[in-house]
Protein backbone atom coordinates (compact mmCIF):
# COMPACT_ATOMS: atom_id res chain seq x y z
CA MET A 1 3.59 -1.02 -26.00
CA ASN A 2 1.94 -2.20 -22.79
CA LYS A 3 -0.12 0.54 -21.23
CA LYS A 4 -0.93 0.12 -17.53
CA ALA A 5 -4.64 -0.12 -16.84
CA THR A 6 -6.37 2.64 -14.96
CA LYS A 7 -8.45 1.75 -11.93
CA SER A 8 -11.75 2.03 -13.81
CA GLU A 9 -10.45 0.03 -16.81
CA CYS A 10 -9.32 -2.63 -14.39
CA ILE A 11 -12.76 -2.97 -12.84
CA LYS A 12 -14.51 -3.05 -16.23
CA ARG A 13 -12.24 -5.77 -17.66
CA SER A 14 -12.30 -8.04 -14.62
CA LYS A 15 -14.85 -10.80 -14.78
CA THR A 16 -14.08 -12.69 -11.58
CA LYS A 17 -13.33 -11.69 -8.01
CA GLN A 18 -9.80 -13.06 -8.44
CA GLU A 19 -9.21 -10.94 -11.56
CA ARG A 20 -10.56 -7.83 -9.78
CA PHE A 21 -8.33 -8.48 -6.80
CA LYS A 22 -5.20 -8.99 -8.90
CA CYS A 23 -5.82 -5.92 -11.02
CA LEU A 24 -6.76 -3.58 -8.17
CA ALA A 25 -4.09 -4.91 -5.81
CA GLU A 26 -1.43 -4.35 -8.48
CA TYR A 27 -2.76 -0.87 -9.26
CA ARG A 28 -2.96 0.16 -5.60
CA THR A 29 0.43 -1.34 -4.72
CA ASN A 30 2.06 0.58 -7.56
CA GLU A 31 0.38 3.79 -6.36
CA ILE A 32 1.71 3.24 -2.82
CA LEU A 33 5.22 2.55 -4.11
CA ARG A 34 5.07 5.70 -6.24
CA LYS A 35 4.03 7.77 -3.21
CA ILE A 36 6.88 6.28 -1.14
CA ARG A 37 9.36 7.29 -3.85
CA ILE A 38 7.87 10.80 -3.79
CA LEU A 39 8.20 10.91 0.01
CA GLY A 40 11.87 10.09 -0.49
CA ASN A 41 12.26 13.41 -2.32
CA CYS A 42 11.81 15.12 1.06
CA SER A 43 15.16 13.67 2.16
CA ASN A 44 17.10 16.29 0.18
CA ARG A 45 18.72 18.41 2.89
CA SER A 46 19.45 21.15 0.34
CA PHE A 47 15.72 21.92 0.30
CA TYR A 48 14.39 20.60 3.63
CA SER A 49 15.31 20.57 7.29
CA TYR A 50 14.11 17.82 9.62
CA SER A 51 15.07 16.06 12.82
CA GLU A 52 15.74 12.39 13.44
CA GLU A 53 12.66 12.31 15.67
CA GLU A 54 10.44 13.59 12.84
CA ILE A 55 11.76 10.92 10.48
CA GLU A 56 11.28 8.25 13.14
CA LYS A 57 7.68 9.36 13.65
CA ILE A 58 6.94 9.23 9.90
CA PHE A 59 8.30 5.72 9.48
CA ASN A 60 6.69 4.45 12.69
CA GLU A 61 3.31 5.62 11.37
CA ILE A 62 3.92 3.98 7.99
CA GLU A 63 5.03 0.72 9.62
CA GLU A 64 2.00 0.69 11.93
CA ALA A 65 -0.41 1.25 9.04
CA LEU A 66 1.32 -1.51 7.08
CA LYS A 67 1.04 -3.95 10.00
CA LYS A 68 -2.67 -3.18 10.46
CA THR A 69 -3.30 -3.74 6.77
CA GLU A 70 -1.31 -6.98 6.72
CA VAL A 71 -3.41 -8.32 9.61
CA LYS A 72 -6.53 -7.84 7.48
CA PHE A 73 -5.09 -10.34 4.98
CA THR A 74 -4.12 -12.91 7.62
CA PHE A 75 -6.28 -15.98 7.85
CA SER A 76 -6.74 -16.72 11.52
CA LYS A 77 -6.79 -20.34 12.64
CA LYS A 78 -7.30 -19.32 16.26
CA LYS A 79 -10.91 -18.18 15.84
CA LYS A 80 -13.05 -21.25 16.26
CA PHE A 81 -16.72 -21.43 17.08
CA LYS A 82 -17.44 -22.92 20.49
CA LEU A 83 -20.74 -23.63 22.22
């Protein structure tokens, strides 16, 4: 049975920067996906009441945060040193 590594186990086992990145990125991505699934539980209209505007605001915020994070991983070719 394959047990998923905890964050601390991941750091301890990783010997290289690449291994640390892969392990932590996988762990953190899975945590985000789990939280998104949990957020989806709020869609049950039998238990919750919400407007279209509220839902739009939630997803706009999530999309904006995702875009900002993606930019951090983008290698820019535009930045060149000039004298």
